[in-house]
Amino acid sequence: MSPRLPRRGGTAEREPRPVRVPPLLLAALRDGAVPLRSDATTVTPDAALRVAVVIPQFRRGSGGHHTIADLVRGLEARGHALSLWLVDEEGRHDGQNDVDLGELFQRFFGPVAAPVRRLAVAGDDDFGGPTPGDVDVLLATGWQTVPAVLRLPGARARAYLVQDHEPEFYATSAERDWAQWTYRQGLHAVCASPWLADLVTREYDCSASSFDLGVAHEHYVPLPTHRRDDLVLFYARATTARRATTLGVLALQELHARRPDIEIALFGDGRRLATPFPHRHLGVLTPDALAHAYASATVGVVLSMTNPSLVPTEMLACGLPVVDLASDSMLATFGDDGPIALSPADPIAIAATVERLVDDLLERAERSRGGTALAATRTWPGAAEQVEAALRTALQRAE
């Protein structure tokens, strides 16, 4: 018997599933990179740079875009001229013009001088609108932006801001393979930790520099507010799988069973989570509201399965003791004997670590002192200086 086909006008016909492919991926796979300009040697070591930063679509609360904005501000303060170019394969910003995009980016991530413009693609092989033109460095900022960066003409060098090992964002898939492919395209990687730089160098034979994620010390400082001794704050960004929200929920379920007197608050996601224990839903908070939460809680919980996020160091800057995973990235970045209490990726172990810190005032005080001292060394001007050096390395490699 033949299978029945959906009737005309049915759901399958009315609402076809979109196929999302990074712009110019096919052209990059078929034809490779557009040749770079041959005059990289004309850029002197102290010259101000013109940098075109190609960014993926964005939404409120994106830590990756916040890092981009902080680095752009830092590079602008060092005298460089930057522009931001949007690649939107999801269609998230359909209907928004360049003015709308610039206003939205600054509303979400703070003021930058760099204009924000859409990088329009005409068909599979060409650009259908303005492009950066002649620049010193084209900077990709996510694997989906790499094909467009490879196909853009007019650059003296290309580099790749790598904030995480993005193949791990996917199950076995074409997207995972393509993300791995981007590290093999000759772009100098500017990595958001020494661990990440070592990984892409070792796994992909990719040239790499590293920088330390900064802290916005104008927001994240110890505040003269009452710090409770019974409040656990969990970064529960369920839309970001590598933050292991399900593992954290299971650990907090165990903690609540042991200690129902401890209040639990979740933040980082606009949508409330259904949990098997009572909790306060804080949602996506502004930096100042986050700092107040960090200054009021007893222990902060952040789970980093790949590269560390911004959140642990921001918590440390506010004097909040932190529990995170004893992953390779966290051990390499903070050390087993550093200020962050590192736990195996096991809910019982995480619950026990949190409970120990809640009960041990002396350990909390010691970790708070060590954390604020470490966070004081992490600044966005310092990160921008490291990134500038990496961009100049990309230029030297292009000679």
Protein backbone atom coordinates (compact mmCIF):
# COMPACT_ATOMS: atom_id res chain seq x y z
CA MET A 1 0.00 0.00 0.00
CA SER A 2 1.43 3.38 -0.99
CA PRO A 3 2.14 5.87 1.80
CA ARG A 4 -0.41 8.64 2.05
CA LEU A 5 0.89 12.06 1.02
CA PRO A 6 -0.10 15.17 2.97
CA ARG A 7 -3.14 16.89 1.53
CA ARG A 8 -2.60 20.13 -0.34
CA GLY A 9 -2.92 23.03 2.04
CA GLY A 10 -1.90 20.90 5.01
CA THR A 11 0.58 22.04 7.69
CA ALA A 12 3.58 20.54 5.88
CA GLU A 13 2.80 22.60 2.77
CA ARG A 14 1.86 25.83 4.50
CA GLU A 15 4.88 25.95 6.81
CA PRO A 16 7.99 24.50 5.15
CA ARG A 17 10.87 24.00 7.53
CA PRO A 18 13.66 26.52 6.78
CA VAL A 19 17.15 25.21 6.02
CA ARG A 20 19.67 27.47 7.77
CA VAL A 21 23.09 27.54 6.14
CA PRO A 22 25.79 30.17 6.81
CA PRO A 23 25.93 32.70 3.96
CA LEU A 24 28.58 31.95 1.31
CA LEU A 25 29.44 28.56 2.80
CA LEU A 26 29.00 26.85 -0.55
CA ALA A 27 31.22 29.40 -2.33
CA ALA A 28 33.89 29.10 0.38
CA LEU A 29 33.87 25.30 0.19
CA ARG A 30 34.04 25.34 -3.61
CA ASP A 31 36.35 28.28 -4.33
CA GLY A 32 38.22 28.88 -1.08
CA ALA A 33 39.24 32.30 0.23
CA VAL A 34 39.48 35.47 -1.80
CA PRO A 35 43.17 36.51 -1.96
CA LEU A 36 44.35 39.00 0.65
CA ARG A 37 45.93 42.28 -0.30
CA SER A 38 49.69 42.07 -0.69
CA ASP A 39 50.63 45.18 1.29
CA ALA A 40 50.37 43.96 4.90
CA THR A 41 53.98 45.07 5.44
CA THR A 42 52.94 48.71 4.99
CA VAL A 43 51.13 48.63 8.35
CA THR A 44 53.68 49.80 10.91
CA PRO A 45 53.76 48.19 14.36
CA ASP A 46 52.29 51.29 16.02
CA ALA A 47 49.75 52.23 13.34
CA ALA A 48 46.07 52.53 14.17
CA LEU A 49 44.21 49.58 12.67
CA ARG A 50 41.02 49.45 10.64
CA VAL A 51 39.17 46.34 11.74
CA ALA A 52 35.89 45.01 10.32
CA VAL A 53 34.23 42.70 12.87
CA VAL A 54 31.75 40.24 11.34
CA ILE A 55 29.16 39.16 13.91
CA PRO A 56 26.29 36.64 13.93
CA GLN A 57 22.69 37.50 14.80
CA PHE A 58 22.20 38.55 18.40
CA ARG A 59 19.69 38.71 21.23
CA ARG A 60 19.55 40.22 24.69
CA GLY A 61 21.76 38.48 27.22
CA SER A 62 24.27 37.02 24.74
CA GLY A 63 27.58 36.79 26.59
CA GLY A 64 29.48 36.30 23.34
CA HIS A 65 28.18 39.54 21.87
CA HIS A 66 28.84 41.34 25.16
CA THR A 67 32.46 40.23 24.93
CA ILE A 68 32.62 41.51 21.35
CA ALA A 69 31.23 44.87 22.45
CA ASP A 70 33.66 45.13 25.38
CA LEU A 71 36.60 44.35 23.08
CA VAL A 72 35.38 46.86 20.48
CA ARG A 73 35.20 49.56 23.16
CA GLY A 74 38.67 48.65 24.36
CA LEU A 75 40.16 48.71 20.86
CA GLU A 76 38.44 52.02 20.08
CA ALA A 77 39.92 53.48 23.26
CA ARG A 78 43.33 52.43 21.94
CA GLY A 79 42.77 54.52 18.79
CA HIS A 80 41.61 51.88 16.31
CA ALA A 81 38.69 52.29 13.88
CA LEU A 82 36.16 49.45 13.96
CA SER A 83 32.98 48.55 12.16
CA LEU A 84 30.47 45.77 12.85
CA TRP A 85 28.96 43.70 10.02
CA LEU A 86 25.99 41.41 10.68
CA VAL A 87 25.63 37.91 9.20
CA ASP A 88 22.07 36.74 9.95
CA GLU A 89 21.45 33.26 8.57
CA GLU A 90 18.54 32.81 10.99
CA GLY A 91 16.58 35.80 9.70
CA ARG A 92 16.29 37.06 13.28
CA HIS A 93 16.74 40.68 12.21
CA ASP A 94 14.55 40.66 9.10
CA GLY A 95 12.89 44.03 8.64
CA GLN A 96 15.48 45.94 10.68
CA ASN A 97 17.57 48.52 8.87
CA ASP A 98 21.13 49.47 9.82
CA VAL A 99 19.94 52.24 12.17
CA ASP A 100 17.66 49.77 13.96
CA LEU A 101 20.49 47.24 14.22
CA GLY A 102 22.89 49.79 15.69
CA GLU A 103 20.38 50.98 18.26
CA LEU A 104 19.45 47.43 19.24
CA PHE A 105 23.09 46.34 19.57
CA GLN A 106 23.90 49.29 21.83
CA ARG A 107 20.74 48.81 23.89
CA PHE A 108 21.69 45.18 24.55
CA PHE A 109 25.49 45.50 24.89
CA GLY A 110 26.37 49.11 25.60
CA PRO A 111 27.69 52.04 23.54
CA VAL A 112 30.26 51.60 20.79
CA ALA A 113 31.44 54.06 18.16
CA ALA A 114 31.52 51.33 15.52
CA PRO A 115 28.58 51.43 13.09
CA VAL A 116 26.53 48.26 12.70
CA ARG A 117 25.64 47.27 9.13
CA ARG A 118 24.04 44.23 7.55
CA LEU A 119 26.29 42.13 5.32
CA ALA A 120 23.82 41.38 2.54
CA VAL A 121 24.38 38.30 0.39
CA ALA A 122 23.03 38.02 -3.17
CA GLY A 123 22.53 34.36 -4.03
CA ASP A 124 25.23 31.88 -3.08
CA ASP A 125 28.28 33.61 -4.52
CA ASP A 126 28.27 37.36 -4.00
CA PHE A 127 27.40 40.27 -1.74
CA GLY A 128 24.35 42.31 -2.57
CA GLY A 129 25.08 45.43 -0.56
CA PRO A 130 27.83 47.39 1.19
CA THR A 131 30.94 45.53 2.31
CA PRO A 132 33.81 46.66 4.57
CA GLY A 133 36.10 47.41 1.62
CA ASP A 134 39.79 48.03 2.31
CA VAL A 135 40.60 47.15 5.93
CA ASP A 136 43.65 45.95 7.79
CA VAL A 137 41.95 42.98 9.45
CA LEU A 138 38.70 41.13 8.87
CA LEU A 139 37.68 39.50 12.15
CA ALA A 140 35.27 36.55 12.20
CA THR A 141 33.52 36.06 15.55
CA GLY A 142 31.68 32.74 15.24
CA TRP A 143 31.90 29.75 12.93
CA GLN A 144 28.87 30.92 10.92
CA THR A 145 30.69 34.14 10.02
CA VAL A 146 33.86 32.49 8.68
CA PRO A 147 32.62 31.72 5.13
CA ALA A 148 31.64 35.37 4.58
CA VAL A 149 34.98 36.55 5.99
CA LEU A 150 36.81 34.20 3.61
CA ARG A 151 34.92 35.60 0.62
CA LEU A 152 35.16 39.32 1.46
CA PRO A 153 37.76 41.18 -0.64
CA GLY A 154 39.95 44.09 0.39
CA ALA A 155 41.58 42.86 3.62
CA ARG A 156 45.27 42.74 4.46
CA ALA A 157 44.71 39.94 7.00
CA ARG A 158 42.01 37.75 8.50
CA ALA A 159 41.60 36.66 12.11
CA TYR A 160 39.06 34.66 14.09
CA LEU A 161 37.78 35.63 17.55
CA VAL A 162 37.25 32.19 19.12
CA GLN A 163 35.28 32.38 22.36
CA ASP A 164 34.59 28.66 22.67
CA HIS A 165 35.13 25.34 20.91
CA GLU A 166 31.99 25.65 18.83
CA PRO A 167 31.92 22.11 17.35
CA GLU A 168 30.92 20.99 20.85
CA PHE A 169 27.71 22.98 20.51
CA TYR A 170 26.36 20.29 18.16
CA ALA A 171 25.64 16.59 18.10
CA THR A 172 27.12 14.59 15.22
CA SER A 173 26.03 16.69 12.24
CA ALA A 174 27.08 18.68 9.21
CA GLU A 175 27.14 21.78 11.43
CA ARG A 176 29.69 20.14 13.71
CA ASP A 177 31.89 19.26 10.73
CA TRP A 178 31.62 22.78 9.30
CA ALA A 179 32.49 24.34 12.66
CA GLN A 180 35.64 22.19 12.76
CA TRP A 181 36.41 23.15 9.15
CA THR A 182 36.52 26.86 10.08
CA TYR A 183 39.58 26.32 12.28
CA ARG A 184 41.50 24.93 9.31
CA GLN A 185 41.06 27.92 6.99
CA GLY A 186 44.23 29.80 7.88
CA LEU A 187 42.65 32.50 10.05
CA HIS A 188 44.76 33.43 13.07
CA ALA A 189 42.69 32.45 16.11
CA VAL A 190 42.27 34.99 18.91
CA CYS A 191 41.14 32.73 21.75
CA ALA A 192 39.35 33.62 24.97
CA SER A 193 41.66 31.55 27.19
CA PRO A 194 45.08 29.86 26.98
CA TRP A 195 43.27 26.50 27.23
CA LEU A 196 41.24 27.31 24.11
CA ALA A 197 44.31 28.51 22.20
CA ASP A 198 46.10 25.28 23.08
CA LEU A 199 43.10 23.22 21.95
CA VAL A 200 42.75 24.79 18.48
CA THR A 201 46.52 24.66 17.96
CA ARG A 202 46.72 21.02 18.98
CA GLU A 203 43.57 19.74 17.27
CA TYR A 204 43.55 21.83 14.09
CA ASP A 205 47.15 22.97 13.60
CA CYS A 206 45.81 26.52 13.80
CA SER A 207 47.98 29.51 14.71
CA ALA A 208 46.56 31.11 17.87
CA SER A 209 46.95 33.83 20.47
CA SER A 210 44.97 34.12 23.69
CA PHE A 211 43.47 36.80 25.89
CA ASP A 212 41.89 36.84 29.34
CA LEU A 213 38.21 37.69 29.56
CA GLY A 214 37.79 40.99 31.35
CA VAL A 215 35.46 42.20 34.06
CA ALA A 216 33.35 45.35 33.84
CA HIS A 217 34.57 46.76 37.14
CA GLU A 218 32.28 49.75 36.82
CA HIS A 219 29.46 47.29 37.58
CA TYR A 220 30.97 44.27 39.31
CA VAL A 221 32.47 45.31 42.63
CA PRO A 222 31.86 44.31 46.26
CA LEU A 223 28.83 46.33 47.34
CA PRO A 224 27.96 47.53 50.85
CA THR A 225 24.89 45.33 51.04
CA HIS A 226 23.91 42.54 53.39
CA ARG A 227 25.27 39.18 52.24
CA ARG A 228 22.92 36.40 53.20
CA ASP A 229 24.10 33.04 54.51
CA ASP A 230 21.28 30.97 53.02
CA LEU A 231 20.96 31.96 49.33
CA VAL A 232 22.40 29.99 46.38
CA LEU A 233 22.42 31.71 42.99
CA PHE A 234 22.51 29.46 39.89
CA TYR A 235 23.32 30.59 36.32
CA ALA A 236 20.58 28.57 34.61
CA ARG A 237 20.80 29.51 30.93
CA ALA A 238 18.84 26.58 29.55
CA THR A 239 19.19 27.79 25.96
CA THR A 240 22.97 27.25 26.20
CA ALA A 241 23.58 23.51 26.52
CA ARG A 242 27.23 23.86 27.51
CA ARG A 243 26.15 25.60 30.74
CA ALA A 244 24.69 22.24 31.88
CA THR A 245 21.44 23.57 33.30
CA THR A 246 19.97 20.07 33.67
CA LEU A 247 23.01 18.96 35.68
CA GLY A 248 22.69 22.03 37.90
CA VAL A 249 18.97 21.46 38.45
CA LEU A 250 19.64 17.87 39.52
CA ALA A 251 22.37 19.06 41.91
CA LEU A 252 20.08 21.69 43.41
CA GLN A 253 17.33 19.11 43.79
CA GLU A 254 19.77 17.09 45.92
CA LEU A 255 20.78 20.24 47.82
CA HIS A 256 17.14 21.09 48.54
CA ALA A 257 16.49 17.54 49.79
CA ARG A 258 19.42 17.91 52.18
CA ARG A 259 18.85 21.53 53.13
CA PRO A 260 15.33 22.81 52.50
CA ASP A 261 16.25 25.88 54.54
CA ILE A 262 18.51 27.16 51.73
CA GLU A 263 16.82 29.48 49.23
CA ILE A 264 17.64 28.91 45.56
CA ALA A 265 17.47 31.61 42.87
CA LEU A 266 17.92 31.05 39.11
CA PHE A 267 18.99 33.66 36.57
CA GLY A 268 20.22 33.95 32.99
CA ASP A 269 17.13 32.87 31.05
CA GLY A 270 14.03 34.92 30.36
CA ARG A 271 11.77 31.88 30.63
CA ARG A 272 11.05 30.35 34.03
CA LEU A 273 12.24 26.77 34.47
CA ALA A 274 10.00 24.07 35.90
CA THR A 275 12.10 22.59 38.73
CA PRO A 276 11.37 19.90 41.34
CA PHE A 277 12.22 22.39 44.09
CA PRO A 278 10.96 25.90 44.87
CA HIS A 279 13.07 28.75 43.50
CA ARG A 280 13.05 32.45 42.72
CA HIS A 281 13.13 33.25 39.00
CA LEU A 282 15.30 36.32 38.39
CA GLY A 283 15.36 36.17 34.57
CA VAL A 284 17.88 38.15 32.52
CA LEU A 285 19.24 40.95 34.71
CA THR A 286 21.05 44.17 33.92
CA PRO A 287 24.70 44.35 35.02
CA ASP A 288 23.86 46.52 38.03
CA ALA A 289 21.06 44.19 39.11
CA LEU A 290 23.39 41.22 38.64
CA ALA A 291 26.04 42.86 40.80
CA HIS A 292 23.48 43.39 43.57
CA ALA A 293 22.44 39.72 43.34
CA TYR A 294 26.09 38.61 43.46
CA ALA A 295 26.73 40.85 46.47
CA SER A 296 23.70 39.43 48.33
CA ALA A 297 24.04 35.69 47.73
CA THR A 298 25.98 33.13 49.75
CA VAL A 299 27.29 30.94 46.93
CA GLY A 300 27.16 31.23 43.14
CA VAL A 301 26.92 28.17 40.90
CA VAL A 302 28.10 28.28 37.27
CA LEU A 303 28.79 25.14 35.23
CA SER A 304 31.36 25.47 32.43
CA MET A 305 31.59 22.34 30.26
CA THR A 306 33.74 24.06 27.61
CA ASN A 307 35.44 27.46 27.87
CA PRO A 308 34.64 29.46 31.04
CA SER A 309 31.91 32.05 30.69
CA LEU A 310 32.08 35.66 31.87
CA VAL A 311 29.89 34.87 34.87
CA PRO A 312 32.34 33.20 37.32
CA THR A 313 34.83 36.07 37.23
CA GLU A 314 32.06 38.66 37.53
CA MET A 315 30.79 36.81 40.62
CA LEU A 316 34.32 36.77 42.05
CA ALA A 317 34.64 40.51 41.45
CA CYS A 318 31.60 41.02 43.71
CA GLY A 319 33.12 38.84 46.45
CA LEU A 320 30.80 35.90 45.80
CA PRO A 321 32.32 32.41 46.30
CA VAL A 322 31.78 30.30 43.18
CA VAL A 323 31.26 26.60 42.50
CA ASP A 324 32.06 25.41 38.96
CA LEU A 325 33.06 22.17 37.26
CA ALA A 326 36.53 20.65 37.43
CA SER A 327 36.63 20.61 33.62
CA ASP A 328 39.86 20.82 31.66
CA SER A 329 39.13 24.44 30.77
CA MET A 330 38.42 25.52 34.36
CA LEU A 331 41.47 23.70 35.73
CA ALA A 332 43.70 25.29 33.09
CA THR A 333 42.21 28.77 33.58
CA PHE A 334 41.82 28.98 37.37
CA GLY A 335 43.79 26.04 38.78
CA ASP A 336 42.73 23.32 41.19
CA ASP A 337 43.89 25.47 44.11
CA GLY A 338 42.43 28.75 42.85
CA PRO A 339 39.59 30.78 44.36
CA ILE A 340 36.80 28.82 42.61
CA ALA A 341 35.61 25.60 44.25
CA LEU A 342 35.75 23.03 41.43
CA SER A 343 33.56 19.94 41.54
CA PRO A 344 33.30 16.78 39.43
CA ALA A 345 30.43 16.87 36.94
CA ASP A 346 28.22 14.84 39.25
CA PRO A 347 25.06 16.24 40.90
CA ILE A 348 25.80 14.67 44.28
CA ALA A 349 29.34 16.10 44.28
CA ILE A 350 28.12 19.54 43.21
CA ALA A 351 25.46 19.57 45.92
CA ALA A 352 28.03 18.54 48.52
CA THR A 353 30.44 21.29 47.43
CA VAL A 354 27.73 23.95 47.62
CA GLU A 355 26.56 22.70 51.01
CA ARG A 356 30.12 22.74 52.35
CA LEU A 357 30.59 26.35 51.31
CA VAL A 358 27.25 27.42 52.76
CA ASP A 359 28.28 25.91 56.11
CA ASP A 360 31.92 27.01 56.16
CA LEU A 361 32.15 30.74 56.72
CA LEU A 362 35.96 30.70 56.88
CA GLU A 363 36.30 28.96 53.50
CA ARG A 364 33.81 31.36 51.97
CA ALA A 365 35.77 34.32 53.29
CA GLU A 366 39.06 32.92 51.97
CA ARG A 367 37.60 32.25 48.52
CA SER A 368 35.99 35.68 48.48
CA ARG A 369 39.33 37.39 49.18
CA GLY A 370 41.16 35.30 46.60
CA GLY A 371 38.40 35.83 44.05
CA THR A 372 38.33 39.61 44.31
CA ALA A 373 42.13 39.70 44.02
CA LEU A 374 42.05 37.56 40.87
CA ALA A 375 39.18 39.51 39.32
CA ALA A 376 41.03 42.78 39.89
CA THR A 377 43.66 41.64 37.38
CA ARG A 378 41.03 40.95 34.66
CA THR A 379 40.09 44.14 32.83
CA TRP A 380 38.66 44.88 29.40
CA PRO A 381 41.40 47.41 28.61
CA GLY A 382 43.90 44.64 29.35
CA ALA A 383 41.96 42.19 27.17
CA ALA A 384 41.84 44.75 24.34
CA GLU A 385 45.62 45.17 24.55
CA GLN A 386 46.05 41.40 24.21
CA VAL A 387 43.62 41.28 21.27
CA GLU A 388 45.43 44.17 19.55
CA ALA A 389 48.68 42.21 19.79
CA ALA A 390 46.91 39.19 18.27
CA LEU A 391 45.56 41.27 15.36
CA ARG A 392 49.08 42.53 14.67
CA THR A 393 50.26 38.91 14.70
CA ALA A 394 47.63 38.14 12.07
CA LEU A 395 49.04 40.96 9.94
CA GLN A 396 52.58 39.69 10.36
CA ARG A 397 51.49 36.18 9.32
CA ALA A 398 49.84 37.61 6.20
CA GLU A 399 53.09 39.22 4.98
